Amino acid sequence: MLKTAQVEYIKDLWENKGLSLREIARRTGKDFRTIQKFAYIDDWNPPV
């Protein structure tokens, strides 16, 4: 499980810096699918 700061860092690299998901995975040392999962999340609330 990633910490909130790590998720925010991933979102920043993806949305603001414009890095590819593969580049973010390389920089953070995390799995590509993990990066993809957290980069695409917009709503953190559980479904009702």
PDB file of N, CA and C in Angstrom:
ATOM      1  N   MET A   1       0.843  -1.185   0.000  1.00  0.00           N
ATOM      2  CA  MET A   1       0.000   0.000   0.000  1.00  0.00           C
ATOM      3  C   MET A   1       0.882   1.239   0.000  1.00  0.00           C
ATOM      4  N   LEU A   2       0.512   2.185  -0.808  1.00  0.00           N
ATOM      5  CA  LEU A   2       1.261   3.433  -0.891  1.00  0.00           C
ATOM      6  C   LEU A   2       0.749   4.431   0.137  1.00  0.00           C
ATOM      7  N   LYS A   3       1.645   5.267   0.601  1.00  0.00           N
ATOM      8  CA  LYS A   3       1.255   6.336   1.515  1.00  0.00           C
ATOM      9  C   LYS A   3       0.679   7.485   0.704  1.00  0.00           C
ATOM     10  N   THR A   4      -0.054   8.346   1.375  1.00  0.00           N
ATOM     11  CA  THR A   4      -0.704   9.461   0.706  1.00  0.00           C
ATOM     12  C   THR A   4       0.309  10.344  -0.015  1.00  0.00           C
ATOM     13  N   ALA A   5       1.448  10.592   0.590  1.00  0.00           N
ATOM     14  CA  ALA A   5       2.467  11.430  -0.046  1.00  0.00           C
ATOM     15  C   ALA A   5       2.976  10.798  -1.340  1.00  0.00           C
ATOM     16  N   GLN A   6       3.106   9.482  -1.360  1.00  0.00           N
ATOM     17  CA  GLN A   6       3.561   8.798  -2.567  1.00  0.00           C
ATOM     18  C   GLN A   6       2.518   8.908  -3.677  1.00  0.00           C
ATOM     19  N   VAL A   7       1.258   8.762  -3.320  1.00  0.00           N
ATOM     20  CA  VAL A   7       0.182   8.869  -4.304  1.00  0.00           C
ATOM     21  C   VAL A   7       0.130  10.296  -4.856  1.00  0.00           C
ATOM     22  N   GLU A   8       0.282  11.288  -3.998  1.00  0.00           N
ATOM     23  CA  GLU A   8       0.282  12.678  -4.444  1.00  0.00           C
ATOM     24  C   GLU A   8       1.455  12.953  -5.377  1.00  0.00           C
ATOM     25  N   TYR A   9       2.596  12.357  -5.095  1.00  0.00           N
ATOM     26  CA  TYR A   9       3.775  12.504  -5.946  1.00  0.00           C
ATOM     27  C   TYR A   9       3.517  11.899  -7.330  1.00  0.00           C
ATOM     28  N   ILE A  10       2.907  10.727  -7.358  1.00  0.00           N
ATOM     29  CA  ILE A  10       2.561  10.074  -8.622  1.00  0.00           C
ATOM     30  C   ILE A  10       1.591  10.947  -9.409  1.00  0.00           C
ATOM     31  N   LYS A  11       0.551  11.447  -8.748  1.00  0.00           N
ATOM     32  CA  LYS A  11      -0.432  12.297  -9.419  1.00  0.00           C
ATOM     33  C   LYS A  11       0.216  13.566  -9.956  1.00  0.00           C
ATOM     34  N   ASP A  12       1.143  14.141  -9.204  1.00  0.00           N
ATOM     35  CA  ASP A  12       1.839  15.352  -9.641  1.00  0.00           C
ATOM     36  C   ASP A  12       2.681  15.077 -10.890  1.00  0.00           C
ATOM     37  N   LEU A  13       3.437  13.986 -10.872  1.00  0.00           N
ATOM     38  CA  LEU A  13       4.254  13.642 -12.031  1.00  0.00           C
ATOM     39  C   LEU A  13       3.393  13.386 -13.262  1.00  0.00           C
ATOM     40  N   TRP A  14       2.254  12.772 -13.069  1.00  0.00           N
ATOM     41  CA  TRP A  14       1.366  12.412 -14.178  1.00  0.00           C
ATOM     42  C   TRP A  14       0.614  13.631 -14.722  1.00  0.00           C
ATOM     43  N   GLU A  15      -0.009  14.404 -13.823  1.00  0.00           N
ATOM     44  CA  GLU A  15      -0.869  15.497 -14.263  1.00  0.00           C
ATOM     45  C   GLU A  15      -0.116  16.790 -14.553  1.00  0.00           C
ATOM     46  N   ASN A  16       0.853  17.133 -13.733  1.00  0.00           N
ATOM     47  CA  ASN A  16       1.520  18.428 -13.868  1.00  0.00           C
ATOM     48  C   ASN A  16       2.823  18.376 -14.657  1.00  0.00           C
ATOM     49  N   LYS A  17       3.592  17.339 -14.477  1.00  0.00           N
ATOM     50  CA  LYS A  17       4.880  17.224 -15.166  1.00  0.00           C
ATOM     51  C   LYS A  17       4.746  16.552 -16.529  1.00  0.00           C
ATOM     52  N   GLY A  18       3.645  15.821 -16.743  1.00  0.00           N
ATOM     53  CA  GLY A  18       3.393  15.201 -18.033  1.00  0.00           C
ATOM     54  C   GLY A  18       4.251  13.976 -18.323  1.00  0.00           C
ATOM     55  N   LEU A  19       4.756  13.323 -17.275  1.00  0.00           N
ATOM     56  CA  LEU A  19       5.569  12.124 -17.488  1.00  0.00           C
ATOM     57  C   LEU A  19       4.685  10.931 -17.836  1.00  0.00           C
ATOM     58  N   SER A  20       5.259   9.991 -18.550  1.00  0.00           N
ATOM     59  CA  SER A  20       4.523   8.775 -18.888  1.00  0.00           C
ATOM     60  C   SER A  20       4.441   7.881 -17.650  1.00  0.00           C
ATOM     61  N   LEU A  21       3.488   6.976 -17.668  1.00  0.00           N
ATOM     62  CA  LEU A  21       3.333   6.056 -16.541  1.00  0.00           C
ATOM     63  C   LEU A  21       4.565   5.174 -16.387  1.00  0.00           C
ATOM     64  N   ARG A  22       5.162   4.771 -17.492  1.00  0.00           N
ATOM     65  CA  ARG A  22       6.368   3.937 -17.431  1.00  0.00           C
ATOM     66  C   ARG A  22       7.544   4.697 -16.822  1.00  0.00           C
ATOM     67  N   GLU A  23       7.662   5.968 -17.154  1.00  0.00           N
ATOM     68  CA  GLU A  23       8.743   6.782 -16.579  1.00  0.00           C
ATOM     69  C   GLU A  23       8.530   6.974 -15.078  1.00  0.00           C
ATOM     70  N   ILE A  24       7.291   7.169 -14.684  1.00  0.00           N
ATOM     71  CA  ILE A  24       6.987   7.305 -13.251  1.00  0.00           C
ATOM     72  C   ILE A  24       7.316   6.005 -12.530  1.00  0.00           C
ATOM     73  N   ALA A  25       6.982   4.867 -13.137  1.00  0.00           N
ATOM     74  CA  ALA A  25       7.294   3.571 -12.539  1.00  0.00           C
ATOM     75  C   ALA A  25       8.804   3.407 -12.380  1.00  0.00           C
ATOM     76  N   ARG A  26       9.566   3.827 -13.379  1.00  0.00           N
ATOM     77  CA  ARG A  26      11.030   3.747 -13.289  1.00  0.00           C
ATOM     78  C   ARG A  26      11.569   4.633 -12.178  1.00  0.00           C
ATOM     79  N   ARG A  27      11.057   5.846 -12.096  1.00  0.00           N
ATOM     80  CA  ARG A  27      11.558   6.804 -11.095  1.00  0.00           C
ATOM     81  C   ARG A  27      11.219   6.393  -9.662  1.00  0.00           C
ATOM     82  N   THR A  28      10.038   5.827  -9.471  1.00  0.00           N
ATOM     83  CA  THR A  28       9.600   5.484  -8.124  1.00  0.00           C
ATOM     84  C   THR A  28       9.961   4.069  -7.706  1.00  0.00           C
ATOM     85  N   GLY A  29      10.257   3.210  -8.685  1.00  0.00           N
ATOM     86  CA  GLY A  29      10.565   1.824  -8.362  1.00  0.00           C
ATOM     87  C   GLY A  29       9.336   0.980  -8.077  1.00  0.00           C
ATOM     88  N   LYS A  30       8.175   1.503  -8.431  1.00  0.00           N
ATOM     89  CA  LYS A  30       6.918   0.774  -8.234  1.00  0.00           C
ATOM     90  C   LYS A  30       6.506   0.084  -9.522  1.00  0.00           C
ATOM     91  N   ASP A  31       5.623  -0.892  -9.395  1.00  0.00           N
ATOM     92  CA  ASP A  31       5.111  -1.627 -10.548  1.00  0.00           C
ATOM     93  C   ASP A  31       4.266  -0.708 -11.431  1.00  0.00           C
ATOM     94  N   PHE A  32       4.337  -0.935 -12.747  1.00  0.00           N
ATOM     95  CA  PHE A  32       3.593  -0.119 -13.704  1.00  0.00           C
ATOM     96  C   PHE A  32       2.099  -0.123 -13.404  1.00  0.00           C
ATOM     97  N   ARG A  33       1.547  -1.281 -13.098  1.00  0.00           N
ATOM     98  CA  ARG A  33       0.100  -1.369 -12.843  1.00  0.00           C
ATOM     99  C   ARG A  33      -0.307  -0.608 -11.586  1.00  0.00           C
ATOM    100  N   THR A  34       0.560  -0.568 -10.602  1.00  0.00           N
ATOM    101  CA  THR A  34       0.281   0.211  -9.393  1.00  0.00           C
ATOM    102  C   THR A  34       0.246   1.694  -9.733  1.00  0.00           C
ATOM    103  N   ILE A  35       1.216   2.134 -10.526  1.00  0.00           N
ATOM    104  CA  ILE A  35       1.262   3.533 -10.945  1.00  0.00           C
ATOM    105  C   ILE A  35       0.021   3.876 -11.754  1.00  0.00           C
ATOM    106  N   GLN A  36      -0.356   3.003 -12.662  1.00  0.00           N
ATOM    107  CA  GLN A  36      -1.523   3.219 -13.498  1.00  0.00           C
ATOM    108  C   GLN A  36      -2.786   3.346 -12.645  1.00  0.00           C
ATOM    109  N   LYS A  37      -2.925   2.470 -11.680  1.00  0.00           N
ATOM    110  CA  LYS A  37      -4.098   2.466 -10.810  1.00  0.00           C
ATOM    111  C   LYS A  37      -4.245   3.803 -10.087  1.00  0.00           C
ATOM    112  N   PHE A  38      -3.152   4.284  -9.501  1.00  0.00           N
ATOM    113  CA  PHE A  38      -3.233   5.505  -8.712  1.00  0.00           C
ATOM    114  C   PHE A  38      -3.237   6.764  -9.573  1.00  0.00           C
ATOM    115  N   ALA A  39      -2.677   6.716 -10.761  1.00  0.00           N
ATOM    116  CA  ALA A  39      -2.690   7.886 -11.642  1.00  0.00           C
ATOM    117  C   ALA A  39      -4.101   8.165 -12.160  1.00  0.00           C
ATOM    118  N   TYR A  40      -4.895   7.120 -12.361  1.00  0.00           N
ATOM    119  CA  TYR A  40      -6.225   7.290 -12.942  1.00  0.00           C
ATOM    120  C   TYR A  40      -7.326   7.544 -11.914  1.00  0.00           C
ATOM    121  N   ILE A  41      -7.051   7.419 -10.633  1.00  0.00           N
ATOM    122  CA  ILE A  41      -8.089   7.624  -9.616  1.00  0.00           C
ATOM    123  C   ILE A  41      -8.388   9.114  -9.482  1.00  0.00           C
ATOM    124  N   ASP A  42      -9.661   9.476  -9.655  1.00  0.00           N
ATOM    125  CA  ASP A  42     -10.091  10.861  -9.470  1.00  0.00           C
ATOM    126  C   ASP A  42     -10.905  11.024  -8.194  1.00  0.00           C
ATOM    127  N   ASP A  43     -11.739  10.035  -7.897  1.00  0.00           N
ATOM    128  CA  ASP A  43     -12.620  10.103  -6.744  1.00  0.00           C
ATOM    129  C   ASP A  43     -12.178   9.049  -5.731  1.00  0.00           C
ATOM    130  N   TRP A  44     -11.731   9.482  -4.569  1.00  0.00           N
ATOM    131  CA  TRP A  44     -11.232   8.571  -3.544  1.00  0.00           C
ATOM    132  C   TRP A  44     -12.310   8.055  -2.617  1.00  0.00           C
ATOM    133  N   ASN A  45     -13.546   8.535  -2.797  1.00  0.00           N
ATOM    134  CA  ASN A  45     -14.637   8.080  -1.950  1.00  0.00           C
ATOM    135  C   ASN A  45     -15.113   6.701  -2.411  1.00  0.00           C
ATOM    136  N   PRO A  46     -15.449   5.823  -1.464  1.00  0.00           N
ATOM    137  CA  PRO A  46     -15.968   4.510  -1.859  1.00  0.00           C
ATOM    138  C   PRO A  46     -17.338   4.656  -2.511  1.00  0.00           C
ATOM    139  N   PRO A  47     -17.654   3.767  -3.452  1.00  0.00           N
ATOM    140  CA  PRO A  47     -18.974   3.852  -4.103  1.00  0.00           C
ATOM    141  C   PRO A  47     -20.102   3.639  -3.104  1.00  0.00           C
ATOM    142  N   VAL A  48     -21.178   4.355  -3.298  1.00  0.00           N
ATOM    143  CA  VAL A  48     -22.325   4.267  -2.387  1.00  0.00           C
ATOM    144  C   VAL A  48     -23.302   3.249  -2.909  1.00  0.00           C
TER     145      VAL A  48
END
